[in-house]
Structures are given as C-alpha cells and as structure tokens.
Amino acid sequence: MKKILPKQIPILWKTIHYKQYPRLDHVKLPKQFNDKPSTKDLLKILSARKSERSASEVTLSLEILGRILYHSAGLIYRSEDSKNLERRPYPSGGARYPIEIYPIIFQIPSITAGVYHYDILGHQLVRLVDGNYSIKIASWCSKQDWIAKMKYMLVLTAIFPRSTIKYNDRGYRFAFFEAGHIAQNVYLLATYFNLNCCAIGGFQDEEINKLLDIDGENESAIYLLALG
C-alpha cells in the first residue's frame, strides 16, 4: 500500500469519492422536482410512516424508483468550481459520504430484474448481475418469506475508509449514522408514494457481500430496505 504523507491528509479529508462502473450497461433515471409536499403534507407523512411487511397495490415505475433514490440520497448540488463541494439530502460526518446504494430489482415492469448500483453522479442505475434474487435474499434474511413478495430492495453499504481516514475508529460510527439518515428518507418517500417499506438489520453479511462483489471489510453491506 502506498504510504500517505502527512501533508496529503487534509486533501484526502476534503476529497469526495464516487463509486462507478463505467464499462457496464446503465439505465438512466428520470427526474421530476415540481411536486414537493407542503409542510402540512410532511407532518401527515411523518405520522403515517411505519414498517410494512407486505407489498402494496401500487405499480412501481422506473420514475418513482428514480425519485426515491434522488430525494433520499441523490446529488442535490455540486459546485462546478470545486468538485469537492456538494449537497445531498442527508447529513454526513465531515461530508465523507461513505454510503453506497445497490438496488436489487425483483419486479418492476420497465426494468430487468437483477442487481444494480446507484450511480449518483449520473443519476442512473448500473446493471451488475441479471436475475431475480428475491427468494435467495429472503432466505439470507432469516427466511423472511414476505421479502420475496416485495418489488425491490435497497442494500446500503459502507465504504469505511472514506470516513476512517479522517475520524479513525469513530468513522465506523458515522457510517452507521448516515445509513440511518438515508433509511428514514426512504421510509418517508415510500409513504409519500403509497409504497410499503421495511428495514432489515438481520441478514447473512457474507452472502449479500458476495452478491454485490464487495470484500466485507473495506466495503460491507450494513442495512437493507425492502420496498413494495
């Protein structure tokens, strides 16, 4: 491993990293920002938010998926002058942004079932693996069969070195905080779109990490959200 010189550390603390798969097929996601809920609507959504272990009757479209991803964890603002100055819809310790999102599609009419990565820079999905993994994932989550009936799952992973390079061991704590911030955003957006959502903390880490082709150390799955 290349040694990091002390004078390089402040630069690394400010550098924002983006995980991308430039050689793989991608699916562009639509954006729509004209229907922001009012304060009154938001209060109703907060009161209605709950964990639901069943799929709703709503037909999930690529548009709704794109809006959930964008408004929960997307790139709201990025400076043209300084590429390390940006805003997202959730707080991040030191703006290190260690969380990556992998949507796993079970049943959405307009997109092939499979494992995807959310490319935040391009607001697009990158297709990693084809196939419906709903039954396997349900078995990896203590055989919770209801998961296989949902429409898709979001796997939140943490790339820990993004945070620990600045905060040492406390960076692990910040990564888990951040996953919680994003998850609450997803819950509220799912409620807004009349979708059901349930967070899952108990799962076979090794199997999920293997499916995503991540090592489980530098990057590891830490939180699952099933939506339907």
C-alpha atoms as a PDB file:
ATOM      1  CA  MET A   1       0.000   0.000   0.000  1.00  0.00           C
ATOM      2  CA  LYS A   2       1.305   3.450  -0.911  1.00  0.00           C
ATOM      3  CA  LYS A   3       2.287   5.465   2.142  1.00  0.00           C
ATOM      4  CA  ILE A   4       0.205   8.599   2.775  1.00  0.00           C
ATOM      5  CA  LEU A   5       2.313  11.620   3.633  1.00  0.00           C
ATOM      6  CA  PRO A   6       1.079  13.939   6.425  1.00  0.00           C
ATOM      7  CA  LYS A   7       0.714  16.892   4.056  1.00  0.00           C
ATOM      8  CA  GLN A   8      -1.658  14.829   1.888  1.00  0.00           C
ATOM      9  CA  ILE A   9      -4.140  14.080   4.671  1.00  0.00           C
ATOM     10  CA  PRO A  10      -6.087  17.391   4.603  1.00  0.00           C
ATOM     11  CA  ILE A  11      -6.571  16.975   0.841  1.00  0.00           C
ATOM     12  CA  LEU A  12      -7.902  13.452   1.335  1.00  0.00           C
ATOM     13  CA  TRP A  13     -10.224  14.690   4.075  1.00  0.00           C
ATOM     14  CA  LYS A  14     -11.850  17.031   1.543  1.00  0.00           C
ATOM     15  CA  THR A  15     -11.887  14.708  -1.469  1.00  0.00           C
ATOM     16  CA  ILE A  16     -15.273  13.162  -2.213  1.00  0.00           C
ATOM     17  CA  HIS A  17     -15.173   9.761  -3.877  1.00  0.00           C
ATOM     18  CA  TYR A  18     -17.749   8.218  -6.202  1.00  0.00           C
ATOM     19  CA  LYS A  19     -18.055   4.547  -6.981  1.00  0.00           C
ATOM     20  CA  GLN A  20     -18.724   3.924 -10.671  1.00  0.00           C
ATOM     21  CA  TYR A  21     -18.777   1.040 -13.143  1.00  0.00           C
ATOM     22  CA  PRO A  22     -18.091   2.819 -16.475  1.00  0.00           C
ATOM     23  CA  ARG A  23     -17.892  -0.343 -18.609  1.00  0.00           C
ATOM     24  CA  LEU A  24     -21.236  -1.813 -17.581  1.00  0.00           C
ATOM     25  CA  ASP A  25     -24.710  -1.161 -19.006  1.00  0.00           C
ATOM     26  CA  HIS A  26     -26.678   1.572 -17.318  1.00  0.00           C
ATOM     27  CA  VAL A  27     -30.271   2.732 -17.092  1.00  0.00           C
ATOM     28  CA  LYS A  28     -30.912   6.475 -16.925  1.00  0.00           C
ATOM     29  CA  LEU A  29     -33.381   7.524 -14.247  1.00  0.00           C
ATOM     30  CA  PRO A  30     -35.926  10.324 -14.829  1.00  0.00           C
ATOM     31  CA  LYS A  31     -36.129  13.358 -12.558  1.00  0.00           C
ATOM     32  CA  GLN A  32     -39.165  15.361 -11.502  1.00  0.00           C
ATOM     33  CA  PHE A  33     -38.970  18.012  -8.832  1.00  0.00           C
ATOM     34  CA  ASN A  34     -42.197  20.003  -9.181  1.00  0.00           C
ATOM     35  CA  ASP A  35     -44.368  18.217  -6.637  1.00  0.00           C
ATOM     36  CA  LYS A  36     -42.684  18.911  -3.303  1.00  0.00           C
ATOM     37  CA  PRO A  37     -45.049  18.185  -0.388  1.00  0.00           C
ATOM     38  CA  SER A  38     -46.216  21.084   1.744  1.00  0.00           C
ATOM     39  CA  THR A  39     -45.389  21.352   5.436  1.00  0.00           C
ATOM     40  CA  LYS A  40     -48.831  20.005   6.272  1.00  0.00           C
ATOM     41  CA  ASP A  41     -48.333  17.027   3.963  1.00  0.00           C
ATOM     42  CA  LEU A  42     -44.948  16.304   5.513  1.00  0.00           C
ATOM     43  CA  LEU A  43     -46.454  16.191   9.003  1.00  0.00           C
ATOM     44  CA  LYS A  44     -49.026  13.678   7.777  1.00  0.00           C
ATOM     45  CA  ILE A  45     -46.291  11.579   6.183  1.00  0.00           C
ATOM     46  CA  LEU A  46     -44.277  11.576   9.413  1.00  0.00           C
ATOM     47  CA  SER A  47     -47.332  10.362  11.317  1.00  0.00           C
ATOM     48  CA  ALA A  48     -48.143   7.675   8.723  1.00  0.00           C
ATOM     49  CA  ARG A  49     -44.633   6.253   8.422  1.00  0.00           C
ATOM     50  CA  LYS A  50     -44.360   2.653   9.613  1.00  0.00           C
ATOM     51  CA  SER A  51     -42.731  -0.667   8.749  1.00  0.00           C
ATOM     52  CA  GLU A  52     -44.896  -2.831   6.492  1.00  0.00           C
ATOM     53  CA  ARG A  53     -44.007  -6.441   5.701  1.00  0.00           C
ATOM     54  CA  SER A  54     -46.237  -6.764   2.656  1.00  0.00           C
ATOM     55  CA  ALA A  55     -46.374  -5.324  -0.844  1.00  0.00           C
ATOM     56  CA  SER A  56     -48.799  -2.526  -1.683  1.00  0.00           C
ATOM     57  CA  GLU A  57     -51.095  -2.454  -4.703  1.00  0.00           C
ATOM     58  CA  VAL A  58     -49.100   0.376  -6.301  1.00  0.00           C
ATOM     59  CA  THR A  59     -47.387  -0.415  -9.608  1.00  0.00           C
ATOM     60  CA  LEU A  60     -43.828   0.729  -9.143  1.00  0.00           C
ATOM     61  CA  SER A  61     -42.397   2.594 -12.128  1.00  0.00           C
ATOM     62  CA  LEU A  62     -38.834   3.484 -13.016  1.00  0.00           C
ATOM     63  CA  GLU A  63     -39.799   7.120 -12.458  1.00  0.00           C
ATOM     64  CA  ILE A  64     -40.854   6.525  -8.854  1.00  0.00           C
ATOM     65  CA  LEU A  65     -37.731   4.467  -8.172  1.00  0.00           C
ATOM     66  CA  GLY A  66     -35.578   7.275  -9.567  1.00  0.00           C
ATOM     67  CA  ARG A  67     -37.292   9.887  -7.448  1.00  0.00           C
ATOM     68  CA  ILE A  68     -36.955   7.816  -4.281  1.00  0.00           C
ATOM     69  CA  LEU A  69     -33.230   7.388  -4.918  1.00  0.00           C
ATOM     70  CA  TYR A  70     -32.675  11.036  -5.824  1.00  0.00           C
ATOM     71  CA  HIS A  71     -34.658  12.589  -2.958  1.00  0.00           C
ATOM     72  CA  SER A  72     -33.288  10.168  -0.346  1.00  0.00           C
ATOM     73  CA  ALA A  73     -29.620  10.076  -1.325  1.00  0.00           C
ATOM     74  CA  GLY A  74     -29.052  11.871  -4.626  1.00  0.00           C
ATOM     75  CA  LEU A  75     -26.714  14.663  -5.601  1.00  0.00           C
ATOM     76  CA  ILE A  76     -28.749  17.819  -4.977  1.00  0.00           C
ATOM     77  CA  TYR A  77     -25.947  20.281  -5.663  1.00  0.00           C
ATOM     78  CA  ARG A  78     -22.383  20.063  -6.921  1.00  0.00           C
ATOM     79  CA  SER A  79     -20.149  23.089  -7.423  1.00  0.00           C
ATOM     80  CA  GLU A  80     -18.646  23.484 -10.869  1.00  0.00           C
ATOM     81  CA  ASP A  81     -15.680  25.367  -9.377  1.00  0.00           C
ATOM     82  CA  SER A  82     -14.925  22.903  -6.614  1.00  0.00           C
ATOM     83  CA  LYS A  83     -15.895  19.292  -7.274  1.00  0.00           C
ATOM     84  CA  ASN A  84     -15.456  18.547  -3.582  1.00  0.00           C
ATOM     85  CA  LEU A  85     -18.290  20.887  -2.603  1.00  0.00           C
ATOM     86  CA  GLU A  86     -21.738  19.336  -2.825  1.00  0.00           C
ATOM     87  CA  ARG A  87     -25.013  18.713  -1.005  1.00  0.00           C
ATOM     88  CA  ARG A  88     -27.110  15.600  -0.534  1.00  0.00           C
ATOM     89  CA  PRO A  89     -30.469  15.188   1.263  1.00  0.00           C
ATOM     90  CA  TYR A  90     -28.909  13.858   4.477  1.00  0.00           C
ATOM     91  CA  PRO A  91     -26.097  14.799   6.893  1.00  0.00           C
ATOM     92  CA  SER A  92     -22.713  13.105   6.587  1.00  0.00           C
ATOM     93  CA  GLY A  93     -19.891  13.349   9.117  1.00  0.00           C
ATOM     94  CA  GLY A  94     -17.257  15.602   7.574  1.00  0.00           C
ATOM     95  CA  ALA A  95     -19.049  15.274   4.209  1.00  0.00           C
ATOM     96  CA  ARG A  96     -17.225  11.978   3.686  1.00  0.00           C
ATOM     97  CA  TYR A  97     -20.291  10.181   2.227  1.00  0.00           C
ATOM     98  CA  PRO A  98     -19.256   6.559   2.891  1.00  0.00           C
ATOM     99  CA  ILE A  99     -22.638   5.034   1.920  1.00  0.00           C
ATOM    100  CA  GLU A 100     -23.287   3.377  -1.449  1.00  0.00           C
ATOM    101  CA  ILE A 101     -26.693   2.096  -2.583  1.00  0.00           C
ATOM    102  CA  TYR A 102     -27.366  -1.092  -4.533  1.00  0.00           C
ATOM    103  CA  PRO A 103     -30.984  -1.507  -5.710  1.00  0.00           C
ATOM    104  CA  ILE A 104     -31.910  -5.154  -6.229  1.00  0.00           C
ATOM    105  CA  ILE A 105     -34.914  -5.316  -8.547  1.00  0.00           C
ATOM    106  CA  PHE A 106     -37.437  -8.115  -8.027  1.00  0.00           C
ATOM    107  CA  GLN A 107     -40.421  -6.941 -10.077  1.00  0.00           C
ATOM    108  CA  ILE A 108     -40.620  -3.584 -11.804  1.00  0.00           C
ATOM    109  CA  PRO A 109     -42.243  -3.789 -15.280  1.00  0.00           C
ATOM    110  CA  SER A 110     -39.873  -1.380 -17.025  1.00  0.00           C
ATOM    111  CA  ILE A 111     -36.542  -2.793 -15.838  1.00  0.00           C
ATOM    112  CA  THR A 112     -34.836  -6.193 -15.927  1.00  0.00           C
ATOM    113  CA  ALA A 113     -34.700  -7.993 -12.584  1.00  0.00           C
ATOM    114  CA  GLY A 114     -31.204  -8.040 -11.155  1.00  0.00           C
ATOM    115  CA  VAL A 115     -28.585  -6.358  -9.003  1.00  0.00           C
ATOM    116  CA  TYR A 116     -27.803  -2.703  -9.735  1.00  0.00           C
ATOM    117  CA  HIS A 117     -25.641   0.095  -8.352  1.00  0.00           C
ATOM    118  CA  TYR A 118     -26.950   3.639  -7.993  1.00  0.00           C
ATOM    119  CA  ASP A 119     -24.510   5.930  -9.795  1.00  0.00           C
ATOM    120  CA  ILE A 120     -25.119   9.208  -8.000  1.00  0.00           C
ATOM    121  CA  LEU A 121     -23.129  11.348 -10.463  1.00  0.00           C
ATOM    122  CA  GLY A 122     -25.120  10.225 -13.479  1.00  0.00           C
ATOM    123  CA  HIS A 123     -28.387   9.617 -11.586  1.00  0.00           C
ATOM    124  CA  GLN A 124     -28.550   6.199 -13.198  1.00  0.00           C
ATOM    125  CA  LEU A 125     -28.598   2.504 -12.388  1.00  0.00           C
ATOM    126  CA  VAL A 126     -25.656   0.346 -13.424  1.00  0.00           C
ATOM    127  CA  ARG A 127     -26.569  -3.284 -14.058  1.00  0.00           C
ATOM    128  CA  LEU A 128     -24.209  -5.633 -12.229  1.00  0.00           C
ATOM    129  CA  VAL A 129     -25.965  -9.021 -12.343  1.00  0.00           C
ATOM    130  CA  ASP A 130     -29.170 -10.203 -14.051  1.00  0.00           C
ATOM    131  CA  GLY A 131     -31.693 -12.435 -12.310  1.00  0.00           C
ATOM    132  CA  ASN A 132     -34.422 -12.419  -9.681  1.00  0.00           C
ATOM    133  CA  TYR A 133     -32.747 -12.903  -6.299  1.00  0.00           C
ATOM    134  CA  SER A 134     -35.874 -12.331  -4.191  1.00  0.00           C
ATOM    135  CA  ILE A 135     -36.136 -15.893  -2.857  1.00  0.00           C
ATOM    136  CA  LYS A 136     -32.418 -16.162  -2.118  1.00  0.00           C
ATOM    137  CA  ILE A 137     -32.344 -12.835  -0.314  1.00  0.00           C
ATOM    138  CA  ALA A 138     -35.403 -13.795   1.726  1.00  0.00           C
ATOM    139  CA  SER A 139     -33.555 -16.954   2.829  1.00  0.00           C
ATOM    140  CA  TRP A 140     -30.479 -14.872   3.724  1.00  0.00           C
ATOM    141  CA  CYS A 141     -32.692 -12.694   5.950  1.00  0.00           C
ATOM    142  CA  SER A 142     -33.694 -15.429   8.433  1.00  0.00           C
ATOM    143  CA  LYS A 143     -36.092 -16.925   5.867  1.00  0.00           C
ATOM    144  CA  GLN A 144     -38.486 -13.997   5.962  1.00  0.00           C
ATOM    145  CA  ASP A 145     -40.651 -15.120   3.038  1.00  0.00           C
ATOM    146  CA  TRP A 146     -42.527 -11.817   2.785  1.00  0.00           C
ATOM    147  CA  ILE A 147     -39.383 -10.207   1.339  1.00  0.00           C
ATOM    148  CA  ALA A 148     -39.711 -12.250  -1.877  1.00  0.00           C
ATOM    149  CA  LYS A 149     -43.124 -10.645  -2.499  1.00  0.00           C
ATOM    150  CA  MET A 150     -41.793  -7.072  -2.405  1.00  0.00           C
ATOM    151  CA  LYS A 151     -40.905  -5.136  -5.564  1.00  0.00           C
ATOM    152  CA  TYR A 152     -37.282  -4.303  -4.831  1.00  0.00           C
ATOM    153  CA  MET A 153     -34.675  -3.914  -2.131  1.00  0.00           C
ATOM    154  CA  LEU A 154     -32.099  -1.247  -1.416  1.00  0.00           C
ATOM    155  CA  VAL A 155     -28.829  -2.523   0.025  1.00  0.00           C
ATOM    156  CA  LEU A 156     -26.878   0.191   1.824  1.00  0.00           C
ATOM    157  CA  THR A 157     -23.165  -0.490   2.041  1.00  0.00           C
ATOM    158  CA  ALA A 158     -20.442   1.477   3.793  1.00  0.00           C
ATOM    159  CA  ILE A 159     -17.002   2.123   2.324  1.00  0.00           C
ATOM    160  CA  PHE A 160     -15.432   2.615   5.735  1.00  0.00           C
ATOM    161  CA  PRO A 161     -12.046   4.107   4.705  1.00  0.00           C
ATOM    162  CA  ARG A 162     -13.834   7.200   3.388  1.00  0.00           C
ATOM    163  CA  SER A 163     -14.694   8.064   6.995  1.00  0.00           C
ATOM    164  CA  THR A 164     -11.927   6.394   8.983  1.00  0.00           C
ATOM    165  CA  ILE A 165      -9.180   8.238   7.072  1.00  0.00           C
ATOM    166  CA  LYS A 166     -10.365  11.377   8.865  1.00  0.00           C
ATOM    167  CA  TYR A 167     -12.051  10.097  12.022  1.00  0.00           C
ATOM    168  CA  ASN A 168     -10.200   6.831  12.711  1.00  0.00           C
ATOM    169  CA  ASP A 169     -12.407   4.267  14.519  1.00  0.00           C
ATOM    170  CA  ARG A 170     -15.169   6.817  15.118  1.00  0.00           C
ATOM    171  CA  GLY A 171     -15.630   6.864  11.351  1.00  0.00           C
ATOM    172  CA  TYR A 172     -17.341   3.459  11.613  1.00  0.00           C
ATOM    173  CA  ARG A 173     -19.954   5.006  13.897  1.00  0.00           C
ATOM    174  CA  PHE A 174     -20.529   7.889  11.475  1.00  0.00           C
ATOM    175  CA  ALA A 175     -21.141   5.448   8.604  1.00  0.00           C
ATOM    176  CA  PHE A 176     -23.927   3.724  10.558  1.00  0.00           C
ATOM    177  CA  PHE A 177     -25.445   7.084  11.498  1.00  0.00           C
ATOM    178  CA  GLU A 178     -25.510   8.025   7.834  1.00  0.00           C
ATOM    179  CA  ALA A 179     -27.217   4.797   6.782  1.00  0.00           C
ATOM    180  CA  GLY A 180     -29.952   5.597   9.309  1.00  0.00           C
ATOM    181  CA  HIS A 181     -30.429   9.102   7.889  1.00  0.00           C
ATOM    182  CA  ILE A 182     -30.843   7.701   4.371  1.00  0.00           C
ATOM    183  CA  ALA A 183     -33.186   4.950   5.543  1.00  0.00           C
ATOM    184  CA  GLN A 184     -35.540   7.456   7.168  1.00  0.00           C
ATOM    185  CA  ASN A 185     -35.611   9.440   3.928  1.00  0.00           C
ATOM    186  CA  VAL A 186     -36.525   6.258   2.045  1.00  0.00           C
ATOM    187  CA  TYR A 187     -39.286   5.453   4.545  1.00  0.00           C
ATOM    188  CA  LEU A 188     -40.856   8.906   4.204  1.00  0.00           C
ATOM    189  CA  LEU A 189     -40.650   8.861   0.412  1.00  0.00           C
ATOM    190  CA  ALA A 190     -42.164   5.392   0.266  1.00  0.00           C
ATOM    191  CA  THR A 191     -45.039   6.676   2.426  1.00  0.00           C
ATOM    192  CA  TYR A 192     -45.435   9.669   0.107  1.00  0.00           C
ATOM    193  CA  PHE A 193     -45.747   7.367  -2.919  1.00  0.00           C
ATOM    194  CA  ASN A 194     -48.093   4.956  -1.082  1.00  0.00           C
ATOM    195  CA  LEU A 195     -45.492   2.180  -1.069  1.00  0.00           C
ATOM    196  CA  ASN A 196     -44.743  -0.133   1.823  1.00  0.00           C
ATOM    197  CA  CYS A 197     -41.247  -0.225   3.305  1.00  0.00           C
ATOM    198  CA  CYS A 198     -39.470  -2.257   5.953  1.00  0.00           C
ATOM    199  CA  ALA A 199     -35.882  -2.014   7.158  1.00  0.00           C
ATOM    200  CA  ILE A 200     -33.924  -5.210   7.801  1.00  0.00           C
ATOM    201  CA  GLY A 201     -30.922  -5.416  10.086  1.00  0.00           C
ATOM    202  CA  GLY A 202     -30.578  -9.190  10.363  1.00  0.00           C
ATOM    203  CA  PHE A 203     -29.079 -10.855   7.302  1.00  0.00           C
ATOM    204  CA  GLN A 204     -26.207 -13.066   6.223  1.00  0.00           C
ATOM    205  CA  ASP A 205     -23.498 -10.495   5.566  1.00  0.00           C
ATOM    206  CA  GLU A 206     -21.248 -12.851   3.618  1.00  0.00           C
ATOM    207  CA  GLU A 207     -23.956 -13.804   1.115  1.00  0.00           C
ATOM    208  CA  ILE A 208     -25.070 -10.227   0.463  1.00  0.00           C
ATOM    209  CA  ASN A 209     -21.476  -9.028   0.129  1.00  0.00           C
ATOM    210  CA  LYS A 210     -20.684 -11.856  -2.270  1.00  0.00           C
ATOM    211  CA  LEU A 211     -23.696 -10.990  -4.421  1.00  0.00           C
ATOM    212  CA  LEU A 212     -22.516  -7.363  -4.625  1.00  0.00           C
ATOM    213  CA  ASP A 213     -18.897  -8.467  -5.229  1.00  0.00           C
ATOM    214  CA  ILE A 214     -17.554  -6.471  -2.279  1.00  0.00           C
ATOM    215  CA  ASP A 215     -14.965  -7.649   0.258  1.00  0.00           C
ATOM    216  CA  GLY A 216     -16.900  -7.178   3.510  1.00  0.00           C
ATOM    217  CA  GLU A 217     -14.027  -5.246   5.097  1.00  0.00           C
ATOM    218  CA  ASN A 218     -13.302  -2.061   3.173  1.00  0.00           C
ATOM    219  CA  GLU A 219     -16.890  -2.114   1.913  1.00  0.00           C
ATOM    220  CA  SER A 220     -19.692  -4.064   3.551  1.00  0.00           C
ATOM    221  CA  ALA A 221     -23.486  -4.261   3.495  1.00  0.00           C
ATOM    222  CA  ILE A 222     -24.843  -2.728   6.705  1.00  0.00           C
ATOM    223  CA  TYR A 223     -28.574  -2.135   6.136  1.00  0.00           C
ATOM    224  CA  LEU A 224     -31.370  -3.453   3.897  1.00  0.00           C
ATOM    225  CA  LEU A 225     -34.652  -1.782   2.928  1.00  0.00           C
ATOM    226  CA  ALA A 226     -37.393  -3.806   1.254  1.00  0.00           C
ATOM    227  CA  LEU A 227     -39.995  -1.814  -0.701  1.00  0.00           C
ATOM    228  CA  GLY A 228     -43.157  -2.839  -2.445  1.00  0.00           C
END
